[in-house]
Protein backbone atom coordinates (compact mmCIF):
# COMPACT_ATOMS: atom_id res chain seq x y z
CA MET A 1 -1.24 1.28 -49.91
CA ALA A 2 -1.48 0.45 -46.21
CA LEU A 3 1.60 -0.15 -44.15
CA ALA A 4 2.12 -3.68 -42.91
CA GLU A 5 1.31 -4.25 -39.25
CA PRO A 6 4.28 -5.14 -37.08
CA LEU A 7 4.69 -8.83 -36.40
CA VAL A 8 4.97 -8.24 -32.66
CA LYS A 9 2.25 -5.92 -31.43
CA ASP A 10 3.10 -5.70 -27.74
CA VAL A 11 6.69 -6.48 -26.94
CA GLU A 12 7.13 -7.22 -23.25
CA ARG A 13 8.89 -4.34 -21.51
CA PHE A 14 11.75 -5.36 -19.23
CA TYR A 15 13.44 -3.23 -16.59
CA THR A 16 16.79 -3.61 -14.91
CA VAL A 17 16.83 -3.16 -11.14
CA THR A 18 18.30 0.33 -11.63
CA GLU A 19 15.64 1.35 -14.16
CA LEU A 20 12.81 0.01 -12.01
CA ALA A 21 14.18 1.67 -8.88
CA HIS A 22 14.50 5.01 -10.67
CA ASP A 23 11.04 4.66 -12.21
CA LEU A 24 9.43 3.97 -8.81
CA GLY A 25 11.53 6.42 -6.79
CA VAL A 26 13.08 3.78 -4.53
CA THR A 27 16.52 2.27 -4.15
CA ALA A 28 17.69 -0.91 -5.84
CA ARG A 29 18.15 -2.32 -2.33
CA THR A 30 14.43 -1.78 -1.66
CA ILE A 31 13.54 -3.81 -4.74
CA ARG A 32 15.96 -6.58 -3.76
CA PHE A 33 14.49 -6.60 -0.25
CA TYR A 34 10.98 -7.25 -1.61
CA GLU A 35 12.46 -9.89 -3.90
CA ASP A 36 14.08 -11.58 -0.87
CA CYS A 37 10.68 -11.49 0.88
CA GLY A 38 9.15 -13.35 -2.08
CA LEU A 39 6.87 -10.50 -3.11
CA ILE A 40 8.37 -10.20 -6.58
CA ALA A 41 10.27 -12.76 -8.65
CA PRO A 42 12.29 -11.26 -11.48
CA GLN A 43 13.45 -13.27 -14.43
CA ARG A 44 17.10 -13.67 -15.34
CA ALA A 45 18.89 -12.65 -18.50
CA GLY A 46 22.29 -14.20 -17.89
CA ASN A 47 23.43 -12.82 -14.55
CA THR A 48 21.14 -9.81 -14.73
CA ARG A 49 17.76 -9.61 -13.03
CA VAL A 50 15.07 -8.32 -15.35
CA TYR A 51 11.69 -7.11 -14.16
CA THR A 52 8.49 -7.23 -16.20
CA ARG A 53 5.49 -4.90 -16.28
CA ARG A 54 3.85 -7.35 -13.90
CA ASP A 55 6.76 -6.99 -11.45
CA ARG A 56 6.47 -3.22 -11.76
CA ALA A 57 2.72 -3.35 -11.05
CA ARG A 58 3.35 -5.58 -8.03
CA MET A 59 5.99 -3.14 -6.75
CA ILE A 60 3.51 -0.28 -7.06
CA LEU A 61 1.00 -2.26 -4.97
CA ILE A 62 3.70 -3.16 -2.43
CA LEU A 63 4.79 0.45 -2.04
CA ARG A 64 1.19 1.62 -1.74
CA GLY A 65 0.53 -1.02 0.92
CA LYS A 66 3.59 0.05 2.91
CA ARG A 67 2.55 3.71 2.67
CA LEU A 68 -0.86 2.74 4.05
CA GLY A 69 0.75 0.87 6.95
CA PHE A 70 0.09 -2.72 5.91
CA ARG A 71 2.38 -5.50 7.10
CA LEU A 72 4.38 -7.40 4.47
CA ARG A 73 2.35 -10.54 5.24
CA ASP A 74 -0.89 -8.67 4.46
CA ILE A 75 0.61 -7.28 1.26
CA LYS A 76 1.71 -10.77 0.19
CA ASP A 77 -1.79 -12.13 0.83
CA TYR A 78 -3.24 -9.28 -1.21
CA LEU A 79 -0.83 -9.89 -4.09
CA ASP A 80 -1.65 -13.61 -4.05
CA LEU A 81 -5.26 -12.71 -4.86
CA TYR A 82 -4.08 -11.61 -8.31
CA ASP A 83 -2.62 -15.05 -9.02
CA ILE A 84 -5.79 -17.10 -8.63
CA ASP A 85 -7.35 -19.33 -11.25
CA TRP A 86 -10.67 -17.61 -11.99
CA ASN A 87 -12.18 -20.92 -13.22
CA HIS A 88 -11.52 -22.80 -9.98
CA HIS A 89 -14.66 -22.40 -7.85
CA GLU A 90 -13.19 -23.53 -4.52
CA GLN A 91 -10.35 -21.07 -4.91
CA LEU A 92 -12.86 -18.33 -5.70
CA ARG A 93 -14.86 -19.20 -2.57
CA LEU A 94 -11.68 -18.94 -0.50
CA LEU A 95 -10.86 -15.66 -2.20
CA LEU A 96 -14.31 -14.31 -1.41
CA LYS A 97 -13.99 -15.36 2.22
CA ALA A 98 -10.57 -13.71 2.49
CA VAL A 99 -11.85 -10.50 0.89
CA GLN A 100 -14.89 -10.41 3.20
CA GLN A 101 -12.67 -10.94 6.25
CA ARG A 102 -10.34 -8.17 5.10
CA ILE A 103 -13.26 -5.78 4.55
CA SER A 104 -14.64 -6.64 7.99
CA GLY A 105 -11.25 -6.06 9.61
CA LEU A 106 -10.81 -2.73 7.86
CA LEU A 107 -14.29 -1.61 8.91
CA GLU A 108 -13.46 -2.49 12.53
CA GLN A 109 -10.22 -0.53 12.26
CA ARG A 110 -12.08 2.45 10.81
CA HIS A 111 -14.59 2.33 13.67
CA ALA A 112 -11.75 2.22 16.22
CA LEU A 113 -10.04 5.14 14.49
CA ASP A 114 -13.27 7.15 14.46
CA GLN A 115 -13.68 6.55 18.20
CA THR A 116 -10.08 7.52 18.91
CA LEU A 117 -10.41 10.69 16.84
CA ALA A 118 -13.62 11.66 18.64
CA GLU A 119 -11.94 11.13 22.03
CA LEU A 120 -8.88 13.14 21.01
CA LYS A 121 -11.05 15.99 19.72
CA ASP A 122 -12.95 15.98 23.02
CA ILE A 123 -9.68 16.17 24.97
CA GLN A 124 -8.51 18.96 22.66
CA SER A 125 -11.72 20.93 23.31
CA GLN A 126 -11.44 20.45 27.07
CA ALA A 127 -7.78 21.51 27.09
CA THR A 128 -8.54 24.57 24.95
CA ALA A 129 -11.42 25.58 27.24
CA ALA A 130 -9.27 25.12 30.36
CA LEU A 131 -6.46 27.16 28.84
CA THR A 132 -8.86 29.92 27.80
CA ALA A 133 -10.44 30.03 31.27
CA SER A 134 -7.03 30.07 32.95
CA THR A 135 -5.80 32.90 30.73
CA ALA A 136 -8.98 34.93 31.33
CA GLY A 137 -8.61 34.45 35.11
CA ARG A 138 -5.04 35.74 35.02
CA ARG A 139 -6.11 38.81 33.05
CA ARG A 140 -8.82 39.63 35.61
CA LYS A 141 -6.34 39.32 38.49
CA ALA A 142 -3.81 41.49 36.67
CA ALA A 143 -6.46 44.16 35.99
CA VAL A 144 -7.43 44.41 39.68
């Protein structure tokens, strides 16, 4: 005889601010800061804030964005992309435009970084060569 399936298959997981902070390796103050910025919006159970899996996923994206050097405004814009109505064509067109602009901006940044790295490596090579030549000149003078 087969066991009966549970009535609730996927119970929503809730986190307290302390649990979420511990789970993500940040402080509760960090989570409250992002809440104050409007990046996450926890629910309330009485006087207690409770965070859903969705809030946790958003926090992971926020923390990743900060690690990568994105501004909070950019992170908010990125998070807003997850909240679009996929059946609304005008909204999708705007989304596509925003994504294309972001890709273009990132490609420009990558190009600028590549140029800066090439220049720094050139300076490094020149400085190393000058130091090597200077050291060799001193050795020759000392040997004479």
